[in-house]
PDB file of N, CA and C in Angstrom:
ATOM      1  N   MET A   1     -16.396 -38.546  13.766  1.00  0.00           N
ATOM      2  CA  MET A   1     -16.945 -37.372  14.381  1.00  0.00           C
ATOM      3  C   MET A   1     -18.159 -37.744  15.237  1.00  0.00           C
ATOM      4  N   SER A   2     -18.988 -38.638  14.734  1.00  0.00           N
ATOM      5  CA  SER A   2     -20.150 -39.039  15.517  1.00  0.00           C
ATOM      6  C   SER A   2     -19.736 -39.847  16.744  1.00  0.00           C
ATOM      7  N   ALA A   3     -18.660 -40.621  16.627  1.00  0.00           N
ATOM      8  CA  ALA A   3     -18.162 -41.366  17.789  1.00  0.00           C
ATOM      9  C   ALA A   3     -17.650 -40.415  18.865  1.00  0.00           C
ATOM     10  N   ILE A   4     -16.998 -39.340  18.454  1.00  0.00           N
ATOM     11  CA  ILE A   4     -16.525 -38.338  19.410  1.00  0.00           C
ATOM     12  C   ILE A   4     -17.711 -37.692  20.118  1.00  0.00           C
ATOM     13  N   MET A   5     -18.729 -37.329  19.361  1.00  0.00           N
ATOM     14  CA  MET A   5     -19.908 -36.693  19.960  1.00  0.00           C
ATOM     15  C   MET A   5     -20.648 -37.655  20.899  1.00  0.00           C
ATOM     16  N   ALA A   6     -20.719 -38.921  20.526  1.00  0.00           N
ATOM     17  CA  ALA A   6     -21.359 -39.910  21.403  1.00  0.00           C
ATOM     18  C   ALA A   6     -20.556 -40.092  22.688  1.00  0.00           C
ATOM     19  N   SER A   7     -19.227 -40.111  22.578  1.00  0.00           N
ATOM     20  CA  SER A   7     -18.415 -40.268  23.793  1.00  0.00           C
ATOM     21  C   SER A   7     -18.483 -39.019  24.663  1.00  0.00           C
ATOM     22  N   ILE A   8     -18.623 -37.836  24.057  1.00  0.00           N
ATOM     23  CA  ILE A   8     -18.822 -36.628  24.866  1.00  0.00           C
ATOM     24  C   ILE A   8     -20.133 -36.712  25.628  1.00  0.00           C
ATOM     25  N   THR A   9     -21.175 -37.222  24.997  1.00  0.00           N
ATOM     26  CA  THR A   9     -22.474 -37.375  25.658  1.00  0.00           C
ATOM     27  C   THR A   9     -22.373 -38.347  26.828  1.00  0.00           C
ATOM     28  N   VAL A  10     -21.689 -39.454  26.630  1.00  0.00           N
ATOM     29  CA  VAL A  10     -21.532 -40.449  27.701  1.00  0.00           C
ATOM     30  C   VAL A  10     -20.710 -39.880  28.848  1.00  0.00           C
ATOM     31  N   THR A  11     -19.611 -39.186  28.530  1.00  0.00           N
ATOM     32  CA  THR A  11     -18.776 -38.638  29.600  1.00  0.00           C
ATOM     33  C   THR A  11     -19.481 -37.522  30.359  1.00  0.00           C
ATOM     34  N   LEU A  12     -20.332 -36.747  29.691  1.00  0.00           N
ATOM     35  CA  LEU A  12     -21.107 -35.732  30.411  1.00  0.00           C
ATOM     36  C   LEU A  12     -22.094 -36.382  31.382  1.00  0.00           C
ATOM     37  N   HIS A  13     -22.604 -37.542  31.015  1.00  0.00           N
ATOM     38  CA  HIS A  13     -23.510 -38.261  31.912  1.00  0.00           C
ATOM     39  C   HIS A  13     -22.756 -38.833  33.120  1.00  0.00           C
ATOM     40  N   LEU A  14     -21.497 -39.251  32.919  1.00  0.00           N
ATOM     41  CA  LEU A  14     -20.722 -39.898  33.982  1.00  0.00           C
ATOM     42  C   LEU A  14     -19.843 -38.945  34.779  1.00  0.00           C
ATOM     43  N   LYS A  15     -19.867 -37.661  34.494  1.00  0.00           N
ATOM     44  CA  LYS A  15     -18.926 -36.735  35.126  1.00  0.00           C
ATOM     45  C   LYS A  15     -19.108 -36.602  36.637  1.00  0.00           C
ATOM     46  N   ASP A  16     -20.288 -36.874  37.153  1.00  0.00           N
ATOM     47  CA  ASP A  16     -20.524 -36.777  38.592  1.00  0.00           C
ATOM     48  C   ASP A  16     -20.026 -38.001  39.354  1.00  0.00           C
ATOM     49  N   TYR A  17     -19.778 -39.103  38.670  1.00  0.00           N
ATOM     50  CA  TYR A  17     -19.407 -40.351  39.327  1.00  0.00           C
ATOM     51  C   TYR A  17     -17.901 -40.591  39.377  1.00  0.00           C
ATOM     52  N   ILE A  18     -17.170 -40.116  38.391  1.00  0.00           N
ATOM     53  CA  ILE A  18     -15.724 -40.350  38.317  1.00  0.00           C
ATOM     54  C   ILE A  18     -15.047 -38.992  38.198  1.00  0.00           C
ATOM     55  N   PHE A  19     -14.036 -38.739  39.058  1.00  0.00           N
ATOM     56  CA  PHE A  19     -13.439 -37.412  39.113  1.00  0.00           C
ATOM     57  C   PHE A  19     -12.559 -37.078  37.904  1.00  0.00           C
ATOM     58  N   VAL A  20     -12.135 -38.068  37.128  1.00  0.00           N
ATOM     59  CA  VAL A  20     -11.248 -37.838  35.987  1.00  0.00           C
ATOM     60  C   VAL A  20     -12.023 -37.451  34.725  1.00  0.00           C
ATOM     61  N   ILE A  21     -13.284 -37.716  34.704  1.00  0.00           N
ATOM     62  CA  ILE A  21     -14.098 -37.523  33.505  1.00  0.00           C
ATOM     63  C   ILE A  21     -14.089 -36.082  32.981  1.00  0.00           C
ATOM     64  N   PRO A  22     -14.170 -35.043  33.823  1.00  0.00           N
ATOM     65  CA  PRO A  22     -14.135 -33.690  33.248  1.00  0.00           C
ATOM     66  C   PRO A  22     -12.867 -33.407  32.434  1.00  0.00           C
ATOM     67  N   TYR A  23     -11.747 -33.975  32.841  1.00  0.00           N
ATOM     68  CA  TYR A  23     -10.503 -33.778  32.085  1.00  0.00           C
ATOM     69  C   TYR A  23     -10.556 -34.509  30.746  1.00  0.00           C
ATOM     70  N   SER A  24     -11.170 -35.681  30.748  1.00  0.00           N
ATOM     71  CA  SER A  24     -11.292 -36.405  29.481  1.00  0.00           C
ATOM     72  C   SER A  24     -12.269 -35.704  28.534  1.00  0.00           C
ATOM     73  N   ILE A  25     -13.242 -34.985  29.072  1.00  0.00           N
ATOM     74  CA  ILE A  25     -14.152 -34.223  28.222  1.00  0.00           C
ATOM     75  C   ILE A  25     -13.384 -33.133  27.477  1.00  0.00           C
ATOM     76  N   VAL A  26     -12.457 -32.486  28.174  1.00  0.00           N
ATOM     77  CA  VAL A  26     -11.647 -31.445  27.530  1.00  0.00           C
ATOM     78  C   VAL A  26     -10.831 -32.039  26.391  1.00  0.00           C
ATOM     79  N   VAL A  27     -10.239 -33.190  26.606  1.00  0.00           N
ATOM     80  CA  VAL A  27      -9.447 -33.847  25.560  1.00  0.00           C
ATOM     81  C   VAL A  27     -10.344 -34.216  24.385  1.00  0.00           C
ATOM     82  N   LEU A  28     -11.513 -34.756  24.658  1.00  0.00           N
ATOM     83  CA  LEU A  28     -12.440 -35.133  23.580  1.00  0.00           C
ATOM     84  C   LEU A  28     -12.906 -33.924  22.773  1.00  0.00           C
ATOM     85  N   ILE A  29     -13.167 -32.824  23.458  1.00  0.00           N
ATOM     86  CA  ILE A  29     -13.627 -31.628  22.744  1.00  0.00           C
ATOM     87  C   ILE A  29     -12.518 -31.089  21.856  1.00  0.00           C
ATOM     88  N   PHE A  30     -11.285 -31.045  22.373  1.00  0.00           N
ATOM     89  CA  PHE A  30     -10.198 -30.531  21.545  1.00  0.00           C
ATOM     90  C   PHE A  30      -9.882 -31.467  20.385  1.00  0.00           C
ATOM     91  N   TYR A  31      -9.965 -32.777  20.603  1.00  0.00           N
ATOM     92  CA  TYR A  31      -9.714 -33.711  19.506  1.00  0.00           C
ATOM     93  C   TYR A  31     -10.849 -33.680  18.486  1.00  0.00           C
ATOM     94  N   GLY A  32     -12.058 -33.693  18.958  1.00  0.00           N
ATOM     95  CA  GLY A  32     -13.201 -33.698  18.055  1.00  0.00           C
ATOM     96  C   GLY A  32     -13.388 -32.385  17.327  1.00  0.00           C
ATOM     97  N   GLY A  33     -12.984 -31.291  17.937  1.00  0.00           N
ATOM     98  CA  GLY A  33     -13.126 -30.000  17.302  1.00  0.00           C
ATOM     99  C   GLY A  33     -11.950 -29.623  16.434  1.00  0.00           C
ATOM    100  N   GLY A  34     -10.949 -30.447  16.393  1.00  0.00           N
ATOM    101  CA  GLY A  34      -9.756 -30.153  15.614  1.00  0.00           C
ATOM    102  C   GLY A  34      -9.935 -30.426  14.137  1.00  0.00           C
ATOM    103  N   PRO A  35      -8.834 -30.429  13.402  1.00  0.00           N
ATOM    104  CA  PRO A  35      -8.927 -30.594  11.953  1.00  0.00           C
ATOM    105  C   PRO A  35      -9.334 -31.991  11.502  1.00  0.00           C
ATOM    106  N   ALA A  36      -9.293 -32.978  12.388  1.00  0.00           N
ATOM    107  CA  ALA A  36      -9.634 -34.342  11.988  1.00  0.00           C
ATOM    108  C   ALA A  36     -11.106 -34.455  11.587  1.00  0.00           C
ATOM    109  N   GLY A  37     -11.979 -33.735  12.245  1.00  0.00           N
ATOM    110  CA  GLY A  37     -13.390 -33.830  11.926  1.00  0.00           C
ATOM    111  C   GLY A  37     -13.854 -32.856  10.861  1.00  0.00           C
ATOM    112  N   VAL A  38     -13.005 -31.893  10.530  1.00  0.00           N
ATOM    113  CA  VAL A  38     -13.413 -30.855   9.585  1.00  0.00           C
ATOM    114  C   VAL A  38     -13.203 -31.275   8.136  1.00  0.00           C
ATOM    115  N   ALA A  39     -12.146 -32.023   7.844  1.00  0.00           N
ATOM    116  CA  ALA A  39     -11.772 -32.325   6.456  1.00  0.00           C
ATOM    117  C   ALA A  39     -12.875 -33.033   5.667  1.00  0.00           C
ATOM    118  N   PRO A  40     -13.489 -34.101   6.166  1.00  0.00           N
ATOM    119  CA  PRO A  40     -14.549 -34.737   5.369  1.00  0.00           C
ATOM    120  C   PRO A  40     -15.771 -33.843   5.181  1.00  0.00           C
ATOM    121  N   SER A  41     -16.156 -33.106   6.205  1.00  0.00           N
ATOM    122  CA  SER A  41     -17.317 -32.230   6.082  1.00  0.00           C
ATOM    123  C   SER A  41     -17.050 -31.098   5.105  1.00  0.00           C
ATOM    124  N   LEU A  42     -15.849 -30.547   5.161  1.00  0.00           N
ATOM    125  CA  LEU A  42     -15.486 -29.462   4.254  1.00  0.00           C
ATOM    126  C   LEU A  42     -15.447 -29.939   2.809  1.00  0.00           C
ATOM    127  N   THR A  43     -14.872 -31.108   2.598  1.00  0.00           N
ATOM    128  CA  THR A  43     -14.835 -31.671   1.246  1.00  0.00           C
ATOM    129  C   THR A  43     -16.246 -31.951   0.744  1.00  0.00           C
ATOM    130  N   ASN A  44     -17.105 -32.375   1.628  1.00  0.00           N
ATOM    131  CA  ASN A  44     -18.496 -32.675   1.262  1.00  0.00           C
ATOM    132  C   ASN A  44     -19.257 -31.405   0.887  1.00  0.00           C
ATOM    133  N   GLU A  45     -18.955 -30.299   1.559  1.00  0.00           N
ATOM    134  CA  GLU A  45     -19.684 -29.063   1.311  1.00  0.00           C
ATOM    135  C   GLU A  45     -19.156 -28.299   0.101  1.00  0.00           C
ATOM    136  N   ILE A  46     -17.864 -28.369  -0.161  1.00  0.00           N
ATOM    137  CA  ILE A  46     -17.276 -27.559  -1.231  1.00  0.00           C
ATOM    138  C   ILE A  46     -17.593 -28.116  -2.616  1.00  0.00           C
ATOM    139  N   PHE A  47     -17.466 -29.427  -2.775  1.00  0.00           N
ATOM    140  CA  PHE A  47     -17.563 -30.033  -4.111  1.00  0.00           C
ATOM    141  C   PHE A  47     -18.976 -30.539  -4.395  1.00  0.00           C
ATOM    142  N   ILE A  48     -19.363 -30.467  -5.675  1.00  0.00           N
ATOM    143  CA  ILE A  48     -20.660 -31.008  -6.072  1.00  0.00           C
ATOM    144  C   ILE A  48     -20.572 -32.530  -6.109  1.00  0.00           C
ATOM    145  N   GLN A  49     -21.723 -33.161  -6.216  1.00  0.00           N
ATOM    146  CA  GLN A  49     -21.794 -34.625  -6.098  1.00  0.00           C
ATOM    147  C   GLN A  49     -20.901 -35.360  -7.094  1.00  0.00           C
ATOM    148  N   SER A  50     -20.802 -34.886  -8.319  1.00  0.00           N
ATOM    149  CA  SER A  50     -20.021 -35.615  -9.325  1.00  0.00           C
ATOM    150  C   SER A  50     -18.522 -35.515  -9.087  1.00  0.00           C
ATOM    151  N   TYR A  51     -18.058 -34.481  -8.359  1.00  0.00           N
ATOM    152  CA  TYR A  51     -16.624 -34.306  -8.108  1.00  0.00           C
ATOM    153  C   TYR A  51     -16.191 -34.823  -6.736  1.00  0.00           C
ATOM    154  N   ARG A  52     -17.108 -35.230  -5.898  1.00  0.00           N
ATOM    155  CA  ARG A  52     -16.764 -35.629  -4.531  1.00  0.00           C
ATOM    156  C   ARG A  52     -15.840 -36.835  -4.445  1.00  0.00           C
ATOM    157  N   PRO A  53     -16.022 -37.903  -5.232  1.00  0.00           N
ATOM    158  CA  PRO A  53     -15.082 -39.026  -5.122  1.00  0.00           C
ATOM    159  C   PRO A  53     -13.634 -38.618  -5.413  1.00  0.00           C
ATOM    160  N   ALA A  54     -13.445 -37.804  -6.440  1.00  0.00           N
ATOM    161  CA  ALA A  54     -12.093 -37.343  -6.761  1.00  0.00           C
ATOM    162  C   ALA A  54     -11.554 -36.446  -5.656  1.00  0.00           C
ATOM    163  N   ALA A  55     -12.414 -35.624  -5.073  1.00  0.00           N
ATOM    164  CA  ALA A  55     -11.978 -34.743  -3.993  1.00  0.00           C
ATOM    165  C   ALA A  55     -11.574 -35.544  -2.757  1.00  0.00           C
ATOM    166  N   PHE A  56     -12.344 -36.595  -2.444  1.00  0.00           N
ATOM    167  CA  PHE A  56     -11.987 -37.422  -1.298  1.00  0.00           C
ATOM    168  C   PHE A  56     -10.682 -38.174  -1.537  1.00  0.00           C
ATOM    169  N   VAL A  57     -10.458 -38.639  -2.749  1.00  0.00           N
ATOM    170  CA  VAL A  57      -9.193 -39.306  -3.073  1.00  0.00           C
ATOM    171  C   VAL A  57      -8.039 -38.327  -2.948  1.00  0.00           C
ATOM    172  N   PHE A  58      -8.223 -37.127  -3.470  1.00  0.00           N
ATOM    173  CA  PHE A  58      -7.171 -36.118  -3.410  1.00  0.00           C
ATOM    174  C   PHE A  58      -6.834 -35.731  -1.971  1.00  0.00           C
ATOM    175  N   THR A  59      -7.854 -35.489  -1.147  1.00  0.00           N
ATOM    176  CA  THR A  59      -7.586 -35.134   0.248  1.00  0.00           C
ATOM    177  C   THR A  59      -6.994 -36.309   1.015  1.00  0.00           C
ATOM    178  N   GLY A  60      -7.392 -37.534   0.674  1.00  0.00           N
ATOM    179  CA  GLY A  60      -6.786 -38.706   1.311  1.00  0.00           C
ATOM    180  C   GLY A  60      -5.321 -38.843   0.958  1.00  0.00           C
ATOM    181  N   ILE A  61      -4.981 -38.601  -0.308  1.00  0.00           N
ATOM    182  CA  ILE A  61      -3.576 -38.661  -0.721  1.00  0.00           C
ATOM    183  C   ILE A  61      -2.765 -37.590  -0.005  1.00  0.00           C
ATOM    184  N   LEU A  62      -3.309 -36.379   0.073  1.00  0.00           N
ATOM    185  CA  LEU A  62      -2.600 -35.301   0.775  1.00  0.00           C
ATOM    186  C   LEU A  62      -2.411 -35.625   2.254  1.00  0.00           C
ATOM    187  N   ARG A  63      -3.434 -36.208   2.864  1.00  0.00           N
ATOM    188  CA  ARG A  63      -3.320 -36.558   4.282  1.00  0.00           C
ATOM    189  C   ARG A  63      -2.244 -37.622   4.503  1.00  0.00           C
ATOM    190  N   TRP A  64      -2.214 -38.653   3.659  1.00  0.00           N
ATOM    191  CA  TRP A  64      -1.223 -39.697   3.812  1.00  0.00           C
ATOM    192  C   TRP A  64       0.182 -39.202   3.487  1.00  0.00           C
ATOM    193  N   LEU A  65       0.318 -38.322   2.510  1.00  0.00           N
ATOM    194  CA  LEU A  65       1.629 -37.729   2.240  1.00  0.00           C
ATOM    195  C   LEU A  65       2.115 -36.921   3.437  1.00  0.00           C
ATOM    196  N   GLY A  66       1.198 -36.218   4.076  1.00  0.00           N
ATOM    197  CA  GLY A  66       1.562 -35.484   5.289  1.00  0.00           C
ATOM    198  C   GLY A  66       2.013 -36.413   6.398  1.00  0.00           C
ATOM    199  N   PHE A  67       1.313 -37.542   6.565  1.00  0.00           N
ATOM    200  CA  PHE A  67       1.717 -38.515   7.580  1.00  0.00           C
ATOM    201  C   PHE A  67       3.099 -39.086   7.287  1.00  0.00           C
ATOM    202  N   VAL A  68       3.360 -39.395   6.013  1.00  0.00           N
ATOM    203  CA  VAL A  68       4.658 -39.968   5.629  1.00  0.00           C
ATOM    204  C   VAL A  68       5.776 -38.956   5.869  1.00  0.00           C
ATOM    205  N   MET A  69       5.547 -37.705   5.492  1.00  0.00           N
ATOM    206  CA  MET A  69       6.576 -36.674   5.707  1.00  0.00           C
ATOM    207  C   MET A  69       6.836 -36.463   7.190  1.00  0.00           C
ATOM    208  N   LEU A  70       5.782 -36.448   7.994  1.00  0.00           N
ATOM    209  CA  LEU A  70       5.949 -36.308   9.432  1.00  0.00           C
ATOM    210  C   LEU A  70       6.741 -37.482   9.995  1.00  0.00           C
ATOM    211  N   ARG A  71       6.467 -38.677   9.509  1.00  0.00           N
ATOM    212  CA  ARG A  71       7.194 -39.853   9.979  1.00  0.00           C
ATOM    213  C   ARG A  71       8.671 -39.770   9.621  1.00  0.00           C
ATOM    214  N   PHE A  72       8.982 -39.337   8.385  1.00  0.00           N
ATOM    215  CA  PHE A  72      10.382 -39.202   7.992  1.00  0.00           C
ATOM    216  C   PHE A  72      11.096 -38.151   8.831  1.00  0.00           C
ATOM    217  N   ILE A  73      10.425 -37.044   9.096  1.00  0.00           N
ATOM    218  CA  ILE A  73      11.048 -35.985   9.895  1.00  0.00           C
ATOM    219  C   ILE A  73      11.307 -36.477  11.313  1.00  0.00           C
ATOM    220  N   LEU A  74      10.339 -37.156  11.913  1.00  0.00           N
ATOM    221  CA  LEU A  74      10.532 -37.653  13.275  1.00  0.00           C
ATOM    222  C   LEU A  74      11.629 -38.708  13.340  1.00  0.00           C
ATOM    223  N   HIS A  75      11.705 -39.587  12.331  1.00  0.00           N
ATOM    224  CA  HIS A  75      12.770 -40.585  12.314  1.00  0.00           C
ATOM    225  C   HIS A  75      14.131 -39.922  12.135  1.00  0.00           C
ATOM    226  N   PHE A  76      14.207 -38.876  11.307  1.00  0.00           N
ATOM    227  CA  PHE A  76      15.465 -38.170  11.112  1.00  0.00           C
ATOM    228  C   PHE A  76      15.953 -37.566  12.422  1.00  0.00           C
ATOM    229  N   PHE A  77      15.058 -36.894  13.160  1.00  0.00           N
ATOM    230  CA  PHE A  77      15.463 -36.292  14.422  1.00  0.00           C
ATOM    231  C   PHE A  77      15.824 -37.348  15.460  1.00  0.00           C
ATOM    232  N   THR A  78      15.152 -38.477  15.430  1.00  0.00           N
ATOM    233  CA  THR A  78      15.494 -39.560  16.346  1.00  0.00           C
ATOM    234  C   THR A  78      16.884 -40.111  16.041  1.00  0.00           C
ATOM    235  N   LEU A  79      17.164 -40.337  14.765  1.00  0.00           N
ATOM    236  CA  LEU A  79      18.484 -40.837  14.388  1.00  0.00           C
ATOM    237  C   LEU A  79      19.580 -39.829  14.709  1.00  0.00           C
ATOM    238  N   CYS A  80      19.303 -38.560  14.503  1.00  0.00           N
ATOM    239  CA  CYS A  80      20.292 -37.534  14.842  1.00  0.00           C
ATOM    240  C   CYS A  80      20.567 -37.519  16.337  1.00  0.00           C
ATOM    241  N   SER A  81      19.524 -37.637  17.136  1.00  0.00           N
ATOM    242  CA  SER A  81      19.730 -37.596  18.578  1.00  0.00           C
ATOM    243  C   SER A  81      20.442 -38.846  19.081  1.00  0.00           C
ATOM    244  N   VAL A  82      20.284 -39.974  18.390  1.00  0.00           N
ATOM    245  CA  VAL A  82      20.931 -41.207  18.840  1.00  0.00           C
ATOM    246  C   VAL A  82      22.383 -41.272  18.388  1.00  0.00           C
ATOM    247  N   PHE A  83      22.651 -40.924  17.130  1.00  0.00           N
ATOM    248  CA  PHE A  83      23.981 -41.143  16.581  1.00  0.00           C
ATOM    249  C   PHE A  83      24.886 -39.916  16.600  1.00  0.00           C
ATOM    250  N   ILE A  84      24.353 -38.713  16.615  1.00  0.00           N
ATOM    251  CA  ILE A  84      25.195 -37.528  16.524  1.00  0.00           C
ATOM    252  C   ILE A  84      25.399 -36.859  17.872  1.00  0.00           C
ATOM    253  N   LEU A  85      24.329 -36.690  18.637  1.00  0.00           N
ATOM    254  CA  LEU A  85      24.449 -35.996  19.908  1.00  0.00           C
ATOM    255  C   LEU A  85      25.182 -36.867  20.926  1.00  0.00           C
ATOM    256  N   PRO A  86      26.042 -36.257  21.751  1.00  0.00           N
ATOM    257  CA  PRO A  86      26.807 -37.043  22.728  1.00  0.00           C
ATOM    258  C   PRO A  86      25.934 -37.483  23.908  1.00  0.00           C
ATOM    259  N   LYS A  87      26.390 -38.513  24.587  1.00  0.00           N
ATOM    260  CA  LYS A  87      25.705 -38.979  25.790  1.00  0.00           C
ATOM    261  C   LYS A  87      26.026 -38.012  26.926  1.00  0.00           C
ATOM    262  N   THR A  88      25.022 -37.640  27.696  1.00  0.00           N
ATOM    263  CA  THR A  88      25.211 -36.614  28.717  1.00  0.00           C
ATOM    264  C   THR A  88      25.009 -37.127  30.140  1.00  0.00           C
ATOM    265  N   LYS A  89      24.750 -38.406  30.309  1.00  0.00           N
ATOM    266  CA  LYS A  89      24.471 -38.929  31.644  1.00  0.00           C
ATOM    267  C   LYS A  89      25.730 -38.869  32.507  1.00  0.00           C
ATOM    268  N   GLY A  90      25.631 -38.238  33.657  1.00  0.00           N
ATOM    269  CA  GLY A  90      26.724 -38.166  34.608  1.00  0.00           C
ATOM    270  C   GLY A  90      27.804 -37.154  34.235  1.00  0.00           C
ATOM    271  N   LYS A  91      27.528 -36.235  33.314  1.00  0.00           N
ATOM    272  CA  LYS A  91      28.516 -35.235  32.910  1.00  0.00           C
ATOM    273  C   LYS A  91      28.061 -33.851  33.351  1.00  0.00           C
ATOM    274  N   THR A  92      29.037 -32.990  33.550  1.00  0.00           N
ATOM    275  CA  THR A  92      28.727 -31.617  33.929  1.00  0.00           C
ATOM    276  C   THR A  92      28.352 -30.821  32.683  1.00  0.00           C
ATOM    277  N   PRO A  93      27.693 -29.688  32.860  1.00  0.00           N
ATOM    278  CA  PRO A  93      27.366 -28.853  31.693  1.00  0.00           C
ATOM    279  C   PRO A  93      28.602 -28.392  30.910  1.00  0.00           C
ATOM    280  N   LEU A  94      29.710 -28.197  31.579  1.00  0.00           N
ATOM    281  CA  LEU A  94      30.934 -27.793  30.893  1.00  0.00           C
ATOM    282  C   LEU A  94      31.444 -28.913  29.981  1.00  0.00           C
ATOM    283  N   GLU A  95      31.418 -30.155  30.472  1.00  0.00           N
ATOM    284  CA  GLU A  95      31.834 -31.288  29.642  1.00  0.00           C
ATOM    285  C   GLU A  95      30.897 -31.477  28.445  1.00  0.00           C
ATOM    286  N   ILE A  96      29.614 -31.282  28.667  1.00  0.00           N
ATOM    287  CA  ILE A  96      28.645 -31.417  27.574  1.00  0.00           C
ATOM    288  C   ILE A  96      28.888 -30.354  26.515  1.00  0.00           C
ATOM    289  N   SER A  97      29.138 -29.116  26.933  1.00  0.00           N
ATOM    290  CA  SER A  97      29.375 -28.050  25.948  1.00  0.00           C
ATOM    291  C   SER A  97      30.652 -28.300  25.166  1.00  0.00           C
ATOM    292  N   ARG A  98      31.683 -28.861  25.792  1.00  0.00           N
ATOM    293  CA  ARG A  98      32.915 -29.210  25.057  1.00  0.00           C
ATOM    294  C   ARG A  98      32.639 -30.279  24.002  1.00  0.00           C
ATOM    295  N   GLU A  99      31.850 -31.284  24.363  1.00  0.00           N
ATOM    296  CA  GLU A  99      31.539 -32.334  23.395  1.00  0.00           C
ATOM    297  C   GLU A  99      30.675 -31.813  22.252  1.00  0.00           C
ATOM    298  N   LEU A 100      29.751 -30.899  22.546  1.00  0.00           N
ATOM    299  CA  LEU A 100      28.925 -30.331  21.480  1.00  0.00           C
ATOM    300  C   LEU A 100      29.753 -29.486  20.521  1.00  0.00           C
ATOM    301  N   LYS A 101      30.793 -28.820  21.020  1.00  0.00           N
ATOM    302  CA  LYS A 101      31.662 -28.026  20.140  1.00  0.00           C
ATOM    303  C   LYS A 101      32.498 -28.913  19.221  1.00  0.00           C
ATOM    304  N   ASN A 102      32.765 -30.138  19.620  1.00  0.00           N
ATOM    305  CA  ASN A 102      33.578 -31.050  18.814  1.00  0.00           C
ATOM    306  C   ASN A 102      32.791 -31.734  17.695  1.00  0.00           C
ATOM    307  N   ILE A 103      31.478 -31.609  17.684  1.00  0.00           N
ATOM    308  CA  ILE A 103      30.664 -32.246  16.645  1.00  0.00           C
ATOM    309  C   ILE A 103      30.879 -31.512  15.330  1.00  0.00           C
ATOM    310  N   ARG A 104      31.215 -32.256  14.294  1.00  0.00           N
ATOM    311  CA  ARG A 104      31.417 -31.695  12.953  1.00  0.00           C
ATOM    312  C   ARG A 104      30.398 -32.305  12.013  1.00  0.00           C
ATOM    313  N   ALA A 105      29.761 -31.462  11.231  1.00  0.00           N
ATOM    314  CA  ALA A 105      28.756 -31.929  10.286  1.00  0.00           C
ATOM    315  C   ALA A 105      29.425 -32.400   9.003  1.00  0.00           C
ATOM    316  N   CYS A 106      29.103 -33.577   8.554  1.00  0.00           N
ATOM    317  CA  CYS A 106      29.548 -34.137   7.276  1.00  0.00           C
ATOM    318  C   CYS A 106      31.066 -34.180   7.159  1.00  0.00           C
ATOM    319  N   GLY A 107      31.761 -34.414   8.233  1.00  0.00           N
ATOM    320  CA  GLY A 107      33.214 -34.571   8.171  1.00  0.00           C
ATOM    321  C   GLY A 107      33.981 -33.283   7.959  1.00  0.00           C
ATOM    322  N   SER A 108      33.403 -32.127   8.270  1.00  0.00           N
ATOM    323  CA  SER A 108      34.134 -30.874   8.090  1.00  0.00           C
ATOM    324  C   SER A 108      35.237 -30.765   9.134  1.00  0.00           C
ATOM    325  N   THR A 109      36.315 -30.104   8.755  1.00  0.00           N
ATOM    326  CA  THR A 109      37.461 -29.949   9.652  1.00  0.00           C
ATOM    327  C   THR A 109      37.402 -28.593  10.331  1.00  0.00           C
ATOM    328  N   LYS A 110      38.328 -28.363  11.264  1.00  0.00           N
ATOM    329  CA  LYS A 110      38.357 -27.082  11.959  1.00  0.00           C
ATOM    330  C   LYS A 110      38.735 -25.954  11.000  1.00  0.00           C
ATOM    331  N   GLU A 111      39.540 -26.249   9.979  1.00  0.00           N
ATOM    332  CA  GLU A 111      39.915 -25.223   9.009  1.00  0.00           C
ATOM    333  C   GLU A 111      38.686 -24.765   8.203  1.00  0.00           C
ATOM    334  N   ASP A 112      37.815 -25.704   7.867  1.00  0.00           N
ATOM    335  CA  ASP A 112      36.596 -25.342   7.150  1.00  0.00           C
ATOM    336  C   ASP A 112      35.723 -24.416   7.995  1.00  0.00           C
ATOM    337  N   VAL A 113      35.630 -24.719   9.284  1.00  0.00           N
ATOM    338  CA  VAL A 113      34.812 -23.913  10.179  1.00  0.00           C
ATOM    339  C   VAL A 113      35.412 -22.520  10.315  1.00  0.00           C
ATOM    340  N   ARG A 114      36.749 -22.427  10.429  1.00  0.00           N
ATOM    341  CA  ARG A 114      37.396 -21.120  10.513  1.00  0.00           C
ATOM    342  C   ARG A 114      37.162 -20.318   9.250  1.00  0.00           C
ATOM    343  N   PHE A 115      37.242 -20.955   8.098  1.00  0.00           N
ATOM    344  CA  PHE A 115      37.035 -20.270   6.831  1.00  0.00           C
ATOM    345  C   PHE A 115      35.608 -19.727   6.725  1.00  0.00           C
ATOM    346  N   LEU A 116      34.641 -20.519   7.185  1.00  0.00           N
ATOM    347  CA  LEU A 116      33.252 -20.074   7.143  1.00  0.00           C
ATOM    348  C   LEU A 116      33.003 -18.911   8.086  1.00  0.00           C
ATOM    349  N   ARG A 117      33.680 -18.906   9.239  1.00  0.00           N
ATOM    350  CA  ARG A 117      33.487 -17.822  10.193  1.00  0.00           C
ATOM    351  C   ARG A 117      34.107 -16.519   9.693  1.00  0.00           C
ATOM    352  N   GLN A 118      35.196 -16.603   8.929  1.00  0.00           N
ATOM    353  CA  GLN A 118      35.843 -15.410   8.414  1.00  0.00           C
ATOM    354  C   GLN A 118      35.039 -14.767   7.291  1.00  0.00           C
ATOM    355  N   SER A 119      34.276 -15.572   6.560  1.00  0.00           N
ATOM    356  CA  SER A 119      33.526 -15.041   5.413  1.00  0.00           C
ATOM    357  C   SER A 119      32.384 -14.160   5.803  1.00  0.00           C
TER     358      SER A 119
END
């Protein structure tokens, strides 16, 4: 958080010399003002001194679990887009829609799909 504030101070000083600097200030403010800088301060304010180490461990575990889950979700969508979705380069929208209709999840047949639609 202090590094973000120091870089905001430096970029405010340099904004008259380089035309890109005002845009980078906006990025720094949104990044520094986001949830990344709030979690340690909030944990520090909520818990008393004797409980703070456990609170920091708990919030660190939750943060890393969130990162791991996000990574698994992104890898799943990447694998789905590579192996399940058809290649669309050089095809018309009609050909793409025909190929998307032929995709079956988990080996289901057309009879299974008809049965599900009737229910």
